[in-house]
């Protein structure tokens, strides 16, 4: 549910989004256990990728979405400059 809400916010702010792939992984070999979030965001002619890891999934998801928002804003600026 938390991730669905985050994706919905992104889709409302960035209607150019075509597809999103989200990977959540837990590394049980590390102590303390690390939770990893990786997100691929597909735009027309561009693919963005971000990942982060923390001790809990919610923090990893939050940080990864923050990185993607920054990347998306940069990609949008470049798109607007070229048109």
PDB file of N, CA and C in Angstrom:
ATOM      1  N   UNK A   1       0.818  -1.179   0.000  1.00  0.00           N
ATOM      2  CA  UNK A   1       0.000   0.000   0.000  1.00  0.00           C
ATOM      3  C   UNK A   1       0.872   1.257   0.000  1.00  0.00           C
ATOM      4  N   UNK A   2       1.918   1.265   0.793  1.00  0.00           N
ATOM      5  CA  UNK A   2       2.819   2.415   0.867  1.00  0.00           C
ATOM      6  C   UNK A   2       3.429   2.716  -0.501  1.00  0.00           C
ATOM      7  N   UNK A   3       3.876   1.673  -1.178  1.00  0.00           N
ATOM      8  CA  UNK A   3       4.501   1.853  -2.492  1.00  0.00           C
ATOM      9  C   UNK A   3       3.460   2.291  -3.519  1.00  0.00           C
ATOM     10  N   UNK A   4       2.262   1.732  -3.454  1.00  0.00           N
ATOM     11  CA  UNK A   4       1.196   2.139  -4.374  1.00  0.00           C
ATOM     12  C   UNK A   4       0.917   3.632  -4.248  1.00  0.00           C
ATOM     13  N   UNK A   5       0.891   4.134  -3.028  1.00  0.00           N
ATOM     14  CA  UNK A   5       0.665   5.568  -2.811  1.00  0.00           C
ATOM     15  C   UNK A   5       1.787   6.397  -3.399  1.00  0.00           C
ATOM     16  N   UNK A   6       3.021   5.956  -3.228  1.00  0.00           N
ATOM     17  CA  UNK A   6       4.170   6.678  -3.777  1.00  0.00           C
ATOM     18  C   UNK A   6       4.121   6.705  -5.306  1.00  0.00           C
ATOM     19  N   UNK A   7       3.777   5.588  -5.923  1.00  0.00           N
ATOM     20  CA  UNK A   7       3.675   5.524  -7.387  1.00  0.00           C
ATOM     21  C   UNK A   7       2.549   6.434  -7.874  1.00  0.00           C
ATOM     22  N   UNK A   8       1.422   6.441  -7.168  1.00  0.00           N
ATOM     23  CA  UNK A   8       0.299   7.298  -7.554  1.00  0.00           C
ATOM     24  C   UNK A   8       0.692   8.770  -7.508  1.00  0.00           C
ATOM     25  N   UNK A   9       1.448   9.160  -6.513  1.00  0.00           N
ATOM     26  CA  UNK A   9       1.921  10.547  -6.412  1.00  0.00           C
ATOM     27  C   UNK A   9       2.815  10.879  -7.593  1.00  0.00           C
ATOM     28  N   UNK A  10       3.733   9.972  -7.926  1.00  0.00           N
ATOM     29  CA  UNK A  10       4.610  10.201  -9.076  1.00  0.00           C
ATOM     30  C   UNK A  10       3.809  10.321 -10.360  1.00  0.00           C
ATOM     31  N   UNK A  11       2.833   9.464 -10.548  1.00  0.00           N
ATOM     32  CA  UNK A  11       2.040   9.480 -11.778  1.00  0.00           C
ATOM     33  C   UNK A  11       1.236  10.779 -11.898  1.00  0.00           C
ATOM     34  N   UNK A  12       0.749  11.302 -10.783  1.00  0.00           N
ATOM     35  CA  UNK A  12       0.018  12.565 -10.815  1.00  0.00           C
ATOM     36  C   UNK A  12       0.920  13.736 -11.167  1.00  0.00           C
ATOM     37  N   UNK A  13       2.153  13.711 -10.676  1.00  0.00           N
ATOM     38  CA  UNK A  13       3.091  14.804 -10.928  1.00  0.00           C
ATOM     39  C   UNK A  13       3.788  14.674 -12.277  1.00  0.00           C
ATOM     40  N   UNK A  14       3.954  13.454 -12.754  1.00  0.00           N
ATOM     41  CA  UNK A  14       4.726  13.198 -13.971  1.00  0.00           C
ATOM     42  C   UNK A  14       3.920  12.331 -14.932  1.00  0.00           C
ATOM     43  N   UNK A  15       2.986  12.919 -15.667  1.00  0.00           N
ATOM     44  CA  UNK A  15       2.125  12.124 -16.552  1.00  0.00           C
ATOM     45  C   UNK A  15       2.872  11.460 -17.714  1.00  0.00           C
ATOM     46  N   UNK A  16       4.127  11.810 -17.949  1.00  0.00           N
ATOM     47  CA  UNK A  16       4.897  11.180 -19.024  1.00  0.00           C
ATOM     48  C   UNK A  16       5.330   9.762 -18.685  1.00  0.00           C
ATOM     49  N   UNK A  17       5.195   9.365 -17.431  1.00  0.00           N
ATOM     50  CA  UNK A  17       5.614   8.034 -17.006  1.00  0.00           C
ATOM     51  C   UNK A  17       4.875   6.966 -17.788  1.00  0.00           C
ATOM     52  N   UNK A  18       5.604   5.997 -18.329  1.00  0.00           N
ATOM     53  CA  UNK A  18       4.994   4.921 -19.095  1.00  0.00           C
ATOM     54  C   UNK A  18       4.919   3.622 -18.298  1.00  0.00           C
ATOM     55  N   UNK A  19       5.964   3.344 -17.526  1.00  0.00           N
ATOM     56  CA  UNK A  19       6.047   2.065 -16.832  1.00  0.00           C
ATOM     57  C   UNK A  19       6.984   2.215 -15.637  1.00  0.00           C
ATOM     58  N   UNK A  20       6.706   1.452 -14.594  1.00  0.00           N
ATOM     59  CA  UNK A  20       7.557   1.460 -13.409  1.00  0.00           C
ATOM     60  C   UNK A  20       7.769   0.022 -12.960  1.00  0.00           C
ATOM     61  N   UNK A  21       9.021  -0.297 -12.639  1.00  0.00           N
ATOM     62  CA  UNK A  21       9.342  -1.617 -12.085  1.00  0.00           C
ATOM     63  C   UNK A  21      10.003  -1.389 -10.738  1.00  0.00           C
ATOM     64  N   UNK A  22       9.490  -2.058  -9.719  1.00  0.00           N
ATOM     65  CA  UNK A  22      10.006  -1.887  -8.367  1.00  0.00           C
ATOM     66  C   UNK A  22      10.467  -3.242  -7.850  1.00  0.00           C
ATOM     67  N   UNK A  23      11.695  -3.265  -7.333  1.00  0.00           N
ATOM     68  CA  UNK A  23      12.270  -4.486  -6.773  1.00  0.00           C
ATOM     69  C   UNK A  23      12.588  -4.233  -5.305  1.00  0.00           C
ATOM     70  N   UNK A  24      12.095  -5.099  -4.437  1.00  0.00           N
ATOM     71  CA  UNK A  24      12.408  -5.043  -3.017  1.00  0.00           C
ATOM     72  C   UNK A  24      13.161  -6.316  -2.656  1.00  0.00           C
ATOM     73  N   UNK A  25      14.292  -6.148  -1.986  1.00  0.00           N
ATOM     74  CA  UNK A  25      15.108  -7.308  -1.620  1.00  0.00           C
ATOM     75  C   UNK A  25      15.569  -7.144  -0.182  1.00  0.00           C
ATOM     76  N   UNK A  26      15.695  -8.251   0.506  1.00  0.00           N
ATOM     77  CA  UNK A  26      16.221  -8.236   1.867  1.00  0.00           C
ATOM     78  C   UNK A  26      17.470  -9.102   1.902  1.00  0.00           C
ATOM     79  N   UNK A  27      18.577  -8.504   2.309  1.00  0.00           N
ATOM     80  CA  UNK A  27      19.838  -9.237   2.409  1.00  0.00           C
ATOM     81  C   UNK A  27      19.949  -9.804   3.826  1.00  0.00           C
ATOM     82  N   UNK A  28      19.637 -11.082   3.952  1.00  0.00           N
ATOM     83  CA  UNK A  28      19.632 -11.709   5.269  1.00  0.00           C
ATOM     84  C   UNK A  28      21.037 -12.101   5.722  1.00  0.00           C
ATOM     85  N   UNK A  29      22.014 -12.009   4.836  1.00  0.00           N
ATOM     86  CA  UNK A  29      23.386 -12.365   5.202  1.00  0.00           C
ATOM     87  C   UNK A  29      24.066 -11.258   5.997  1.00  0.00           C
ATOM     88  N   UNK A  30      23.576 -10.007   5.825  1.00  0.00           N
ATOM     89  CA  UNK A  30      24.154  -8.882   6.550  1.00  0.00           C
ATOM     90  C   UNK A  30      23.528  -8.773   7.935  1.00  0.00           C
ATOM     91  N   UNK A  31      24.316  -8.276   8.862  1.00  0.00           N
ATOM     92  CA  UNK A  31      23.804  -8.012  10.208  1.00  0.00           C
ATOM     93  C   UNK A  31      24.068  -6.556  10.506  1.00  0.00           C
ATOM     94  N   UNK A  32      23.089  -5.713  10.759  1.00  0.00           N
ATOM     95  CA  UNK A  32      21.667  -6.015  10.700  1.00  0.00           C
ATOM     96  C   UNK A  32      21.226  -6.191   9.252  1.00  0.00           C
ATOM     97  N   UNK A  33      20.096  -6.815   9.070  1.00  0.00           N
ATOM     98  CA  UNK A  33      19.588  -7.106   7.730  1.00  0.00           C
ATOM     99  C   UNK A  33      19.337  -5.819   6.964  1.00  0.00           C
ATOM    100  N   UNK A  34      19.762  -5.793   5.708  1.00  0.00           N
ATOM    101  CA  UNK A  34      19.582  -4.625   4.852  1.00  0.00           C
ATOM    102  C   UNK A  34      18.393  -4.839   3.920  1.00  0.00           C
ATOM    103  N   UNK A  35      17.575  -3.818   3.798  1.00  0.00           N
ATOM    104  CA  UNK A  35      16.438  -3.834   2.880  1.00  0.00           C
ATOM    105  C   UNK A  35      16.790  -2.941   1.699  1.00  0.00           C
ATOM    106  N   UNK A  36      16.704  -3.478   0.513  1.00  0.00           N
ATOM    107  CA  UNK A  36      17.089  -2.784  -0.705  1.00  0.00           C
ATOM    108  C   UNK A  36      15.856  -2.511  -1.549  1.00  0.00           C
ATOM    109  N   UNK A  37      15.784  -1.304  -2.098  1.00  0.00           N
ATOM    110  CA  UNK A  37      14.721  -0.935  -3.031  1.00  0.00           C
ATOM    111  C   UNK A  37      15.378  -0.442  -4.310  1.00  0.00           C
ATOM    112  N   UNK A  38      14.973  -1.011  -5.435  1.00  0.00           N
ATOM    113  CA  UNK A  38      15.446  -0.582  -6.749  1.00  0.00           C
ATOM    114  C   UNK A  38      14.219  -0.250  -7.593  1.00  0.00           C
ATOM    115  N   UNK A  39      14.271   0.883  -8.284  1.00  0.00           N
ATOM    116  CA  UNK A  39      13.138   1.294  -9.106  1.00  0.00           C
ATOM    117  C   UNK A  39      13.632   1.714 -10.481  1.00  0.00           C
ATOM    118  N   UNK A  40      12.989   1.161 -11.512  1.00  0.00           N
ATOM    119  CA  UNK A  40      13.197   1.580 -12.903  1.00  0.00           C
ATOM    120  C   UNK A  40      11.959   2.368 -13.313  1.00  0.00           C
ATOM    121  N   UNK A  41      12.175   3.526 -13.874  1.00  0.00           N
ATOM    122  CA  UNK A  41      11.077   4.380 -14.314  1.00  0.00           C
ATOM    123  C   UNK A  41      11.265   4.641 -15.793  1.00  0.00           C
ATOM    124  N   UNK A  42      10.269   4.300 -16.603  1.00  0.00           N
ATOM    125  CA  UNK A  42      10.364   4.434 -18.050  1.00  0.00           C
ATOM    126  C   UNK A  42       9.590   5.657 -18.516  1.00  0.00           C
ATOM    127  N   UNK A  43      10.277   6.494 -19.279  1.00  0.00           N
ATOM    128  CA  UNK A  43       9.709   7.685 -19.897  1.00  0.00           C
ATOM    129  C   UNK A  43       9.875   7.554 -21.395  1.00  0.00           C
ATOM    130  N   UNK A  44       9.213   8.372 -22.180  1.00  0.00           N
ATOM    131  CA  UNK A  44       9.424   8.315 -23.627  1.00  0.00           C
ATOM    132  C   UNK A  44      10.900   8.567 -23.967  1.00  0.00           C
ATOM    133  N   UNK A  45      11.568   7.559 -24.501  1.00  0.00           N
ATOM    134  CA  UNK A  45      12.955   7.688 -24.917  1.00  0.00           C
ATOM    135  C   UNK A  45      13.972   7.699 -23.792  1.00  0.00           C
ATOM    136  N   UNK A  46      13.581   7.396 -22.575  1.00  0.00           N
ATOM    137  CA  UNK A  46      14.514   7.462 -21.452  1.00  0.00           C
ATOM    138  C   UNK A  46      14.109   6.470 -20.368  1.00  0.00           C
ATOM    139  N   UNK A  47      15.117   5.944 -19.679  1.00  0.00           N
ATOM    140  CA  UNK A  47      14.881   5.070 -18.537  1.00  0.00           C
ATOM    141  C   UNK A  47      15.668   5.612 -17.360  1.00  0.00           C
ATOM    142  N   UNK A  48      15.012   5.784 -16.221  1.00  0.00           N
ATOM    143  CA  UNK A  48      15.665   6.246 -15.004  1.00  0.00           C
ATOM    144  C   UNK A  48      15.783   5.070 -14.042  1.00  0.00           C
ATOM    145  N   UNK A  49      16.830   5.092 -13.221  1.00  0.00           N
ATOM    146  CA  UNK A  49      17.044   4.026 -12.252  1.00  0.00           C
ATOM    147  C   UNK A  49      17.586   4.631 -10.968  1.00  0.00           C
ATOM    148  N   UNK A  50      17.070   4.143  -9.852  1.00  0.00           N
ATOM    149  CA  UNK A  50      17.586   4.562  -8.549  1.00  0.00           C
ATOM    150  C   UNK A  50      17.483   3.387  -7.587  1.00  0.00           C
ATOM    151  N   UNK A  51      18.358   3.377  -6.591  1.00  0.00           N
ATOM    152  CA  UNK A  51      18.288   2.337  -5.567  1.00  0.00           C
ATOM    153  C   UNK A  51      18.853   2.885  -4.258  1.00  0.00           C
ATOM    154  N   UNK A  52      18.406   2.307  -3.167  1.00  0.00           N
ATOM    155  CA  UNK A  52      18.956   2.640  -1.858  1.00  0.00           C
ATOM    156  C   UNK A  52      18.672   1.488  -0.914  1.00  0.00           C
ATOM    157  N   UNK A  53      19.433   1.443   0.167  1.00  0.00           N
ATOM    158  CA  UNK A  53      19.205   0.402   1.160  1.00  0.00           C
ATOM    159  C   UNK A  53      19.286   1.000   2.567  1.00  0.00           C
ATOM    160  N   UNK A  54      18.433   0.499   3.425  1.00  0.00           N
ATOM    161  CA  UNK A  54      18.411   0.889   4.831  1.00  0.00           C
ATOM    162  C   UNK A  54      18.028  -0.342   5.639  1.00  0.00           C
ATOM    163  N   UNK A  55      17.768  -0.127   6.903  1.00  0.00           N
ATOM    164  CA  UNK A  55      17.409  -1.251   7.773  1.00  0.00           C
ATOM    165  C   UNK A  55      15.929  -1.608   7.693  1.00  0.00           C
ATOM    166  N   UNK A  56      15.141  -0.804   6.974  1.00  0.00           N
ATOM    167  CA  UNK A  56      13.724  -1.113   6.807  1.00  0.00           C
ATOM    168  C   UNK A  56      13.278  -0.676   5.412  1.00  0.00           C
ATOM    169  N   UNK A  57      12.283  -1.368   4.864  1.00  0.00           N
ATOM    170  CA  UNK A  57      11.844  -1.125   3.494  1.00  0.00           C
ATOM    171  C   UNK A  57      11.274   0.271   3.296  1.00  0.00           C
ATOM    172  N   UNK A  58      10.528   0.777   4.251  1.00  0.00           N
ATOM    173  CA  UNK A  58       9.890   2.081   4.082  1.00  0.00           C
ATOM    174  C   UNK A  58      10.929   3.177   3.854  1.00  0.00           C
ATOM    175  N   UNK A  59      12.012   3.141   4.600  1.00  0.00           N
ATOM    176  CA  UNK A  59      13.086   4.128   4.418  1.00  0.00           C
ATOM    177  C   UNK A  59      13.767   3.983   3.072  1.00  0.00           C
ATOM    178  N   UNK A  60      13.990   2.744   2.643  1.00  0.00           N
ATOM    179  CA  UNK A  60      14.626   2.503   1.345  1.00  0.00           C
ATOM    180  C   UNK A  60      13.740   2.989   0.211  1.00  0.00           C
ATOM    181  N   UNK A  61      12.436   2.737   0.315  1.00  0.00           N
ATOM    182  CA  UNK A  61      11.495   3.176  -0.713  1.00  0.00           C
ATOM    183  C   UNK A  61      11.453   4.703  -0.758  1.00  0.00           C
ATOM    184  N   UNK A  62      11.369   5.334   0.387  1.00  0.00           N
ATOM    185  CA  UNK A  62      11.304   6.800   0.462  1.00  0.00           C
ATOM    186  C   UNK A  62      12.533   7.437  -0.175  1.00  0.00           C
ATOM    187  N   UNK A  63      13.710   6.944   0.157  1.00  0.00           N
ATOM    188  CA  UNK A  63      14.951   7.503  -0.394  1.00  0.00           C
ATOM    189  C   UNK A  63      15.047   7.261  -1.894  1.00  0.00           C
ATOM    190  N   UNK A  64      14.631   6.093  -2.354  1.00  0.00           N
ATOM    191  CA  UNK A  64      14.698   5.778  -3.776  1.00  0.00           C
ATOM    192  C   UNK A  64      13.755   6.673  -4.578  1.00  0.00           C
ATOM    193  N   UNK A  65      12.548   6.893  -4.074  1.00  0.00           N
ATOM    194  CA  UNK A  65      11.610   7.782  -4.754  1.00  0.00           C
ATOM    195  C   UNK A  65      12.130   9.221  -4.770  1.00  0.00           C
ATOM    196  N   UNK A  66      12.815   9.627  -3.719  1.00  0.00           N
ATOM    197  CA  UNK A  66      13.398  10.967  -3.685  1.00  0.00           C
ATOM    198  C   UNK A  66      14.453  11.113  -4.787  1.00  0.00           C
ATOM    199  N   UNK A  67      15.288  10.097  -4.955  1.00  0.00           N
ATOM    200  CA  UNK A  67      16.305  10.109  -6.013  1.00  0.00           C
ATOM    201  C   UNK A  67      15.651  10.153  -7.394  1.00  0.00           C
ATOM    202  N   UNK A  68      14.590   9.367  -7.588  1.00  0.00           N
ATOM    203  CA  UNK A  68      13.897   9.349  -8.880  1.00  0.00           C
ATOM    204  C   UNK A  68      13.239  10.685  -9.189  1.00  0.00           C
ATOM    205  N   UNK A  69      12.654  11.320  -8.193  1.00  0.00           N
ATOM    206  CA  UNK A  69      12.032  12.631  -8.411  1.00  0.00           C
ATOM    207  C   UNK A  69      13.061  13.633  -8.898  1.00  0.00           C
ATOM    208  N   UNK A  70      14.247  13.599  -8.304  1.00  0.00           N
ATOM    209  CA  UNK A  70      15.327  14.495  -8.714  1.00  0.00           C
ATOM    210  C   UNK A  70      15.736  14.194 -10.166  1.00  0.00           C
ATOM    211  N   UNK A  71      15.935  12.920 -10.484  1.00  0.00           N
ATOM    212  CA  UNK A  71      16.328  12.530 -11.838  1.00  0.00           C
ATOM    213  C   UNK A  71      15.255  12.923 -12.850  1.00  0.00           C
ATOM    214  N   UNK A  72      13.988  12.717 -12.479  1.00  0.00           N
ATOM    215  CA  UNK A  72      12.902  13.037 -13.391  1.00  0.00           C
ATOM    216  C   UNK A  72      12.849  14.533 -13.667  1.00  0.00           C
ATOM    217  N   UNK A  73      13.029  15.352 -12.626  1.00  0.00           N
ATOM    218  CA  UNK A  73      13.032  16.805 -12.815  1.00  0.00           C
ATOM    219  C   UNK A  73      14.147  17.224 -13.768  1.00  0.00           C
ATOM    220  N   UNK A  74      15.316  16.614 -13.624  1.00  0.00           N
ATOM    221  CA  UNK A  74      16.438  16.914 -14.525  1.00  0.00           C
ATOM    222  C   UNK A  74      16.118  16.496 -15.960  1.00  0.00           C
ATOM    223  N   UNK A  75      15.528  15.325 -16.129  1.00  0.00           N
ATOM    224  CA  UNK A  75      15.183  14.833 -17.471  1.00  0.00           C
ATOM    225  C   UNK A  75      14.125  15.737 -18.091  1.00  0.00           C
ATOM    226  N   UNK A  76      13.165  16.189 -17.290  1.00  0.00           N
ATOM    227  CA  UNK A  76      12.110  17.063 -17.794  1.00  0.00           C
ATOM    228  C   UNK A  76      12.687  18.415 -18.228  1.00  0.00           C
ATOM    229  N   UNK A  77      13.649  18.946 -17.471  1.00  0.00           N
ATOM    230  CA  UNK A  77      14.312  20.199 -17.835  1.00  0.00           C
ATOM    231  C   UNK A  77      14.999  20.068 -19.185  1.00  0.00           C
ATOM    232  N   UNK A  78      15.713  18.971 -19.394  1.00  0.00           N
ATOM    233  CA  UNK A  78      16.407  18.753 -20.662  1.00  0.00           C
ATOM    234  C   UNK A  78      15.418  18.637 -21.811  1.00  0.00           C
ATOM    235  N   UNK A  79      14.302  17.960 -21.572  1.00  0.00           N
ATOM    236  CA  UNK A  79      13.291  17.795 -22.602  1.00  0.00           C
ATOM    237  C   UNK A  79      12.704  19.141 -22.987  1.00  0.00           C
ATOM    238  N   UNK A  80      12.444  20.000 -22.026  1.00  0.00           N
ATOM    239  CA  UNK A  80      11.867  21.306 -22.291  1.00  0.00           C
ATOM    240  C   UNK A  80      12.860  22.234 -22.996  1.00  0.00           C
ATOM    241  N   UNK A  81      14.139  22.108 -22.683  1.00  0.00           N
ATOM    242  CA  UNK A  81      15.171  22.939 -23.320  1.00  0.00           C
ATOM    243  C   UNK A  81      15.292  22.603 -24.797  1.00  0.00           C
ATOM    244  N   UNK A  82      15.164  21.315 -25.138  1.00  0.00           N
ATOM    245  CA  UNK A  82      15.327  20.881 -26.530  1.00  0.00           C
ATOM    246  C   UNK A  82      14.114  21.163 -27.389  1.00  0.00           C
ATOM    247  N   UNK A  83      12.976  21.514 -26.797  1.00  0.00           N
ATOM    248  CA  UNK A  83      11.765  21.782 -27.588  1.00  0.00           C
ATOM    249  C   UNK A  83      11.492  23.225 -27.668  1.00  0.00           C
TER     250      UNK A  83
END
